[in-house]
């Protein structure tokens, strides 16, 4: 959550919610890309196991 300023710069218009493409590009350009990818893969593995 240290990239709050990065996201504020990426999405200057806070009235409209960011699209999934913007979220993906923002997470990829942030330092937590590996971490979020790991969490996503863990979530997919958990849901597909059910």
PDB file of N, CA and C in Angstrom:
ATOM      1  N   UNK A   1       0.828  -1.205   0.000  1.00  0.00           N
ATOM      2  CA  UNK A   1       0.000   0.000   0.000  1.00  0.00           C
ATOM      3  C   UNK A   1       0.871   1.268   0.000  1.00  0.00           C
ATOM      4  N   UNK A   2       2.142   1.102  -0.287  1.00  0.00           N
ATOM      5  CA  UNK A   2       3.029   2.261  -0.326  1.00  0.00           C
ATOM      6  C   UNK A   2       2.935   2.989  -1.656  1.00  0.00           C
ATOM      7  N   UNK A   3       2.193   2.413  -2.614  1.00  0.00           N
ATOM      8  CA  UNK A   3       2.091   3.011  -3.937  1.00  0.00           C
ATOM      9  C   UNK A   3       0.847   3.889  -4.061  1.00  0.00           C
ATOM     10  N   UNK A   4       0.377   4.446  -2.939  1.00  0.00           N
ATOM     11  CA  UNK A   4      -0.847   5.244  -2.996  1.00  0.00           C
ATOM     12  C   UNK A   4      -0.659   6.454  -3.914  1.00  0.00           C
ATOM     13  N   UNK A   5       0.521   7.063  -3.844  1.00  0.00           N
ATOM     14  CA  UNK A   5       0.781   8.222  -4.706  1.00  0.00           C
ATOM     15  C   UNK A   5       0.843   7.800  -6.160  1.00  0.00           C
ATOM     16  N   UNK A   6       1.392   6.623  -6.420  1.00  0.00           N
ATOM     17  CA  UNK A   6       1.480   6.123  -7.794  1.00  0.00           C
ATOM     18  C   UNK A   6       0.081   5.939  -8.388  1.00  0.00           C
ATOM     19  N   UNK A   7      -0.826   5.385  -7.601  1.00  0.00           N
ATOM     20  CA  UNK A   7      -2.173   5.180  -8.101  1.00  0.00           C
ATOM     21  C   UNK A   7      -2.905   6.505  -8.274  1.00  0.00           C
ATOM     22  N   UNK A   8      -2.628   7.474  -7.400  1.00  0.00           N
ATOM     23  CA  UNK A   8      -3.258   8.785  -7.539  1.00  0.00           C
ATOM     24  C   UNK A   8      -2.795   9.451  -8.831  1.00  0.00           C
ATOM     25  N   UNK A   9      -1.543   9.253  -9.178  1.00  0.00           N
ATOM     26  CA  UNK A   9      -1.023   9.808 -10.425  1.00  0.00           C
ATOM     27  C   UNK A   9      -1.597   9.053 -11.626  1.00  0.00           C
ATOM     28  N   UNK A  10      -1.766   7.745 -11.478  1.00  0.00           N
ATOM     29  CA  UNK A  10      -2.266   6.946 -12.595  1.00  0.00           C
ATOM     30  C   UNK A  10      -3.741   7.263 -12.864  1.00  0.00           C
ATOM     31  N   UNK A  11      -4.516   7.524 -11.815  1.00  0.00           N
ATOM     32  CA  UNK A  11      -5.942   7.780 -11.981  1.00  0.00           C
ATOM     33  C   UNK A  11      -6.278   9.176 -11.434  1.00  0.00           C
ATOM     34  N   UNK A  12      -5.998  10.239 -12.191  1.00  0.00           N
ATOM     35  CA  UNK A  12      -6.278  11.583 -11.691  1.00  0.00           C
ATOM     36  C   UNK A  12      -7.778  11.832 -11.549  1.00  0.00           C
ATOM     37  N   UNK A  13      -8.596  11.189 -12.400  1.00  0.00           N
ATOM     38  CA  UNK A  13     -10.040  11.387 -12.337  1.00  0.00           C
ATOM     39  C   UNK A  13     -10.647  10.337 -11.411  1.00  0.00           C
ATOM     40  N   UNK A  14     -10.906  10.733 -10.168  1.00  0.00           N
ATOM     41  CA  UNK A  14     -11.416   9.766  -9.197  1.00  0.00           C
ATOM     42  C   UNK A  14     -12.930   9.615  -9.299  1.00  0.00           C
ATOM     43  N   UNK A  15     -13.589  10.416 -10.142  1.00  0.00           N
ATOM     44  CA  UNK A  15     -15.048  10.297 -10.271  1.00  0.00           C
ATOM     45  C   UNK A  15     -15.415   9.023 -11.013  1.00  0.00           C
ATOM     46  N   UNK A  16     -14.580   8.624 -11.973  1.00  0.00           N
ATOM     47  CA  UNK A  16     -14.862   7.398 -12.722  1.00  0.00           C
ATOM     48  C   UNK A  16     -13.976   6.282 -12.207  1.00  0.00           C
ATOM     49  N   UNK A  17     -14.526   5.106 -11.942  1.00  0.00           N
ATOM     50  CA  UNK A  17     -13.708   3.990 -11.458  1.00  0.00           C
ATOM     51  C   UNK A  17     -12.732   3.534 -12.532  1.00  0.00           C
ATOM     52  N   UNK A  18     -11.519   3.182 -12.155  1.00  0.00           N
ATOM     53  CA  UNK A  18     -10.533   2.739 -13.140  1.00  0.00           C
ATOM     54  C   UNK A  18     -10.955   1.419 -13.775  1.00  0.00           C
ATOM     55  N   UNK A  19     -10.688   1.281 -15.042  1.00  0.00           N
ATOM     56  CA  UNK A  19     -11.043   0.040 -15.735  1.00  0.00           C
ATOM     57  C   UNK A  19     -10.067  -1.062 -15.352  1.00  0.00           C
ATOM     58  N   UNK A  20     -10.416  -2.288 -15.705  1.00  0.00           N
ATOM     59  CA  UNK A  20      -9.546  -3.410 -15.343  1.00  0.00           C
ATOM     60  C   UNK A  20      -8.200  -3.291 -16.042  1.00  0.00           C
ATOM     61  N   UNK A  21      -8.196  -2.743 -17.263  1.00  0.00           N
ATOM     62  CA  UNK A  21      -6.938  -2.588 -17.985  1.00  0.00           C
ATOM     63  C   UNK A  21      -6.026  -1.601 -17.253  1.00  0.00           C
ATOM     64  N   UNK A  22      -6.598  -0.509 -16.725  1.00  0.00           N
ATOM     65  CA  UNK A  22      -5.792   0.455 -15.976  1.00  0.00           C
ATOM     66  C   UNK A  22      -5.266  -0.167 -14.690  1.00  0.00           C
ATOM     67  N   UNK A  23      -6.106  -0.987 -14.035  1.00  0.00           N
ATOM     68  CA  UNK A  23      -5.662  -1.641 -12.800  1.00  0.00           C
ATOM     69  C   UNK A  23      -4.506  -2.598 -13.105  1.00  0.00           C
ATOM     70  N   UNK A  24      -4.628  -3.335 -14.219  1.00  0.00           N
ATOM     71  CA  UNK A  24      -3.572  -4.285 -14.576  1.00  0.00           C
ATOM     72  C   UNK A  24      -2.279  -3.554 -14.894  1.00  0.00           C
ATOM     73  N   UNK A  25      -2.360  -2.478 -15.658  1.00  0.00           N
ATOM     74  CA  UNK A  25      -1.144  -1.745 -16.013  1.00  0.00           C
ATOM     75  C   UNK A  25      -0.534  -1.078 -14.792  1.00  0.00           C
ATOM     76  N   UNK A  26      -1.387  -0.587 -13.881  1.00  0.00           N
ATOM     77  CA  UNK A  26      -0.867   0.052 -12.678  1.00  0.00           C
ATOM     78  C   UNK A  26      -0.173  -0.964 -11.778  1.00  0.00           C
ATOM     79  N   UNK A  27      -0.783  -2.143 -11.645  1.00  0.00           N
ATOM     80  CA  UNK A  27      -0.158  -3.163 -10.797  1.00  0.00           C
ATOM     81  C   UNK A  27       1.119  -3.685 -11.434  1.00  0.00           C
ATOM     82  N   UNK A  28       1.142  -3.746 -12.772  1.00  0.00           N
ATOM     83  CA  UNK A  28       2.348  -4.225 -13.443  1.00  0.00           C
ATOM     84  C   UNK A  28       3.480  -3.213 -13.330  1.00  0.00           C
ATOM     85  N   UNK A  29       3.144  -1.920 -13.306  1.00  0.00           N
ATOM     86  CA  UNK A  29       4.185  -0.902 -13.230  1.00  0.00           C
ATOM     87  C   UNK A  29       4.601  -0.621 -11.787  1.00  0.00           C
ATOM     88  N   UNK A  30       3.872  -1.181 -10.828  1.00  0.00           N
ATOM     89  CA  UNK A  30       4.227  -0.963  -9.428  1.00  0.00           C
ATOM     90  C   UNK A  30       5.238  -2.004  -8.960  1.00  0.00           C
ATOM     91  N   UNK A  31       5.764  -1.808  -7.773  1.00  0.00           N
ATOM     92  CA  UNK A  31       6.761  -2.741  -7.238  1.00  0.00           C
ATOM     93  C   UNK A  31       6.111  -4.023  -6.720  1.00  0.00           C
ATOM     94  N   UNK A  32       4.790  -4.016  -6.543  1.00  0.00           N
ATOM     95  CA  UNK A  32       4.109  -5.166  -5.966  1.00  0.00           C
ATOM     96  C   UNK A  32       3.517  -6.066  -7.048  1.00  0.00           C
ATOM     97  N   UNK A  33       4.069  -6.009  -8.263  1.00  0.00           N
ATOM     98  CA  UNK A  33       3.505  -6.812  -9.359  1.00  0.00           C
ATOM     99  C   UNK A  33       3.644  -8.297  -9.069  1.00  0.00           C
ATOM    100  N   UNK A  34       4.811  -8.708  -8.589  1.00  0.00           N
ATOM    101  CA  UNK A  34       5.038 -10.128  -8.295  1.00  0.00           C
ATOM    102  C   UNK A  34       4.124 -10.561  -7.154  1.00  0.00           C
ATOM    103  N   UNK A  35       3.963  -9.681  -6.159  1.00  0.00           N
ATOM    104  CA  UNK A  35       3.132 -10.018  -5.008  1.00  0.00           C
ATOM    105  C   UNK A  35       1.668 -10.178  -5.420  1.00  0.00           C
ATOM    106  N   UNK A  36       1.160  -9.245  -6.220  1.00  0.00           N
ATOM    107  CA  UNK A  36      -0.235  -9.340  -6.644  1.00  0.00           C
ATOM    108  C   UNK A  36      -0.451 -10.536  -7.568  1.00  0.00           C
ATOM    109  N   UNK A  37       0.532 -10.845  -8.414  1.00  0.00           N
ATOM    110  CA  UNK A  37       0.407 -12.022  -9.270  1.00  0.00           C
ATOM    111  C   UNK A  37       0.360 -13.294  -8.425  1.00  0.00           C
ATOM    112  N   UNK A  38       1.154 -13.323  -7.363  1.00  0.00           N
ATOM    113  CA  UNK A  38       1.144 -14.477  -6.477  1.00  0.00           C
ATOM    114  C   UNK A  38      -0.213 -14.615  -5.796  1.00  0.00           C
ATOM    115  N   UNK A  39      -0.769 -13.494  -5.304  1.00  0.00           N
ATOM    116  CA  UNK A  39      -2.073 -13.551  -4.658  1.00  0.00           C
ATOM    117  C   UNK A  39      -3.164 -13.967  -5.648  1.00  0.00           C
ATOM    118  N   UNK A  40      -3.069 -13.486  -6.884  1.00  0.00           N
ATOM    119  CA  UNK A  40      -4.066 -13.862  -7.884  1.00  0.00           C
ATOM    120  C   UNK A  40      -4.003 -15.351  -8.186  1.00  0.00           C
ATOM    121  N   UNK A  41      -2.801 -15.881  -8.333  1.00  0.00           N
ATOM    122  CA  UNK A  41      -2.676 -17.308  -8.630  1.00  0.00           C
ATOM    123  C   UNK A  41      -3.157 -18.149  -7.452  1.00  0.00           C
ATOM    124  N   UNK A  42      -2.897 -17.689  -6.242  1.00  0.00           N
ATOM    125  CA  UNK A  42      -3.376 -18.420  -5.066  1.00  0.00           C
ATOM    126  C   UNK A  42      -4.900 -18.395  -5.003  1.00  0.00           C
ATOM    127  N   UNK A  43      -5.495 -17.253  -5.330  1.00  0.00           N
ATOM    128  CA  UNK A  43      -6.953 -17.150  -5.296  1.00  0.00           C
ATOM    129  C   UNK A  43      -7.571 -18.055  -6.371  1.00  0.00           C
ATOM    130  N   UNK A  44      -6.987 -18.056  -7.577  1.00  0.00           N
ATOM    131  CA  UNK A  44      -7.508 -18.933  -8.639  1.00  0.00           C
ATOM    132  C   UNK A  44      -7.380 -20.400  -8.247  1.00  0.00           C
ATOM    133  N   UNK A  45      -6.241 -20.773  -7.659  1.00  0.00           N
ATOM    134  CA  UNK A  45      -6.058 -22.165  -7.255  1.00  0.00           C
ATOM    135  C   UNK A  45      -7.078 -22.540  -6.178  1.00  0.00           C
ATOM    136  N   UNK A  46      -7.356 -21.603  -5.262  1.00  0.00           N
ATOM    137  CA  UNK A  46      -8.317 -21.896  -4.194  1.00  0.00           C
ATOM    138  C   UNK A  46      -9.718 -22.074  -4.760  1.00  0.00           C
ATOM    139  N   UNK A  47     -10.119 -21.192  -5.664  1.00  0.00           N
ATOM    140  CA  UNK A  47     -11.484 -21.267  -6.192  1.00  0.00           C
ATOM    141  C   UNK A  47     -11.664 -22.453  -7.138  1.00  0.00           C
ATOM    142  N   UNK A  48     -10.622 -22.761  -7.922  1.00  0.00           N
ATOM    143  CA  UNK A  48     -10.750 -23.889  -8.842  1.00  0.00           C
ATOM    144  C   UNK A  48     -10.738 -25.218  -8.100  1.00  0.00           C
ATOM    145  N   UNK A  49     -10.174 -25.221  -6.886  1.00  0.00           N
ATOM    146  CA  UNK A  49     -10.145 -26.464  -6.109  1.00  0.00           C
ATOM    147  C   UNK A  49     -11.534 -26.799  -5.577  1.00  0.00           C
ATOM    148  N   UNK A  50     -12.381 -25.800  -5.419  1.00  0.00           N
ATOM    149  CA  UNK A  50     -13.724 -26.054  -4.877  1.00  0.00           C
ATOM    150  C   UNK A  50     -14.610 -26.734  -5.918  1.00  0.00           C
TER     151      UNK A  50
END
